[in-house]
Protein backbone atom coordinates (compact mmCIF):
# COMPACT_ATOMS: atom_id res chain seq x y z
CA ALA A 1 0.20 -0.10 0.10
CA ASN A 2 2.83 3.03 0.45
CA LYS A 3 4.49 1.70 -2.68
CA HIS A 4 1.22 2.29 -4.01
CA ARG A 5 0.85 5.56 -2.08
CA VAL A 6 4.85 6.72 -4.00
CA ALA A 7 3.61 5.89 -7.35
CA VAL A 8 0.55 8.03 -6.89
CA VAL A 9 2.28 10.87 -5.67
CA ILE A 10 4.82 10.93 -8.22
CA ALA A 11 2.05 10.28 -11.14
CA HIS A 12 0.41 13.20 -9.42
CA GLU A 13 2.68 15.89 -9.47
CA ILE A 14 4.69 14.52 -13.15
CA SER A 15 0.59 15.33 -14.96
CA HIS A 16 1.55 18.62 -12.87
CA GLN A 17 4.53 19.35 -14.90
CA TRP A 18 3.45 17.88 -18.41
CA PHE A 19 -0.28 19.31 -17.77
CA GLY A 20 1.59 22.62 -16.93
CA ASN A 21 4.58 22.97 -20.28
CA LEU A 22 1.21 22.00 -22.24
CA VAL A 23 0.02 26.23 -21.08
CA THR A 24 3.47 27.95 -21.30
CA MET A 25 3.53 26.64 -25.08
CA GLY A 26 -0.08 27.49 -25.72
CA VAL A 27 0.25 31.08 -23.90
CA GLY A 28 4.16 31.63 -25.40
CA LYS A 29 2.16 30.76 -28.92
């Protein structure tokens, strides 16, 4: 359960970073 929680947190952080990059590129154009 602990490993699963860590994986979820990491995936959450990566998805936020990826989404933030998409928004930044969209605004840049």
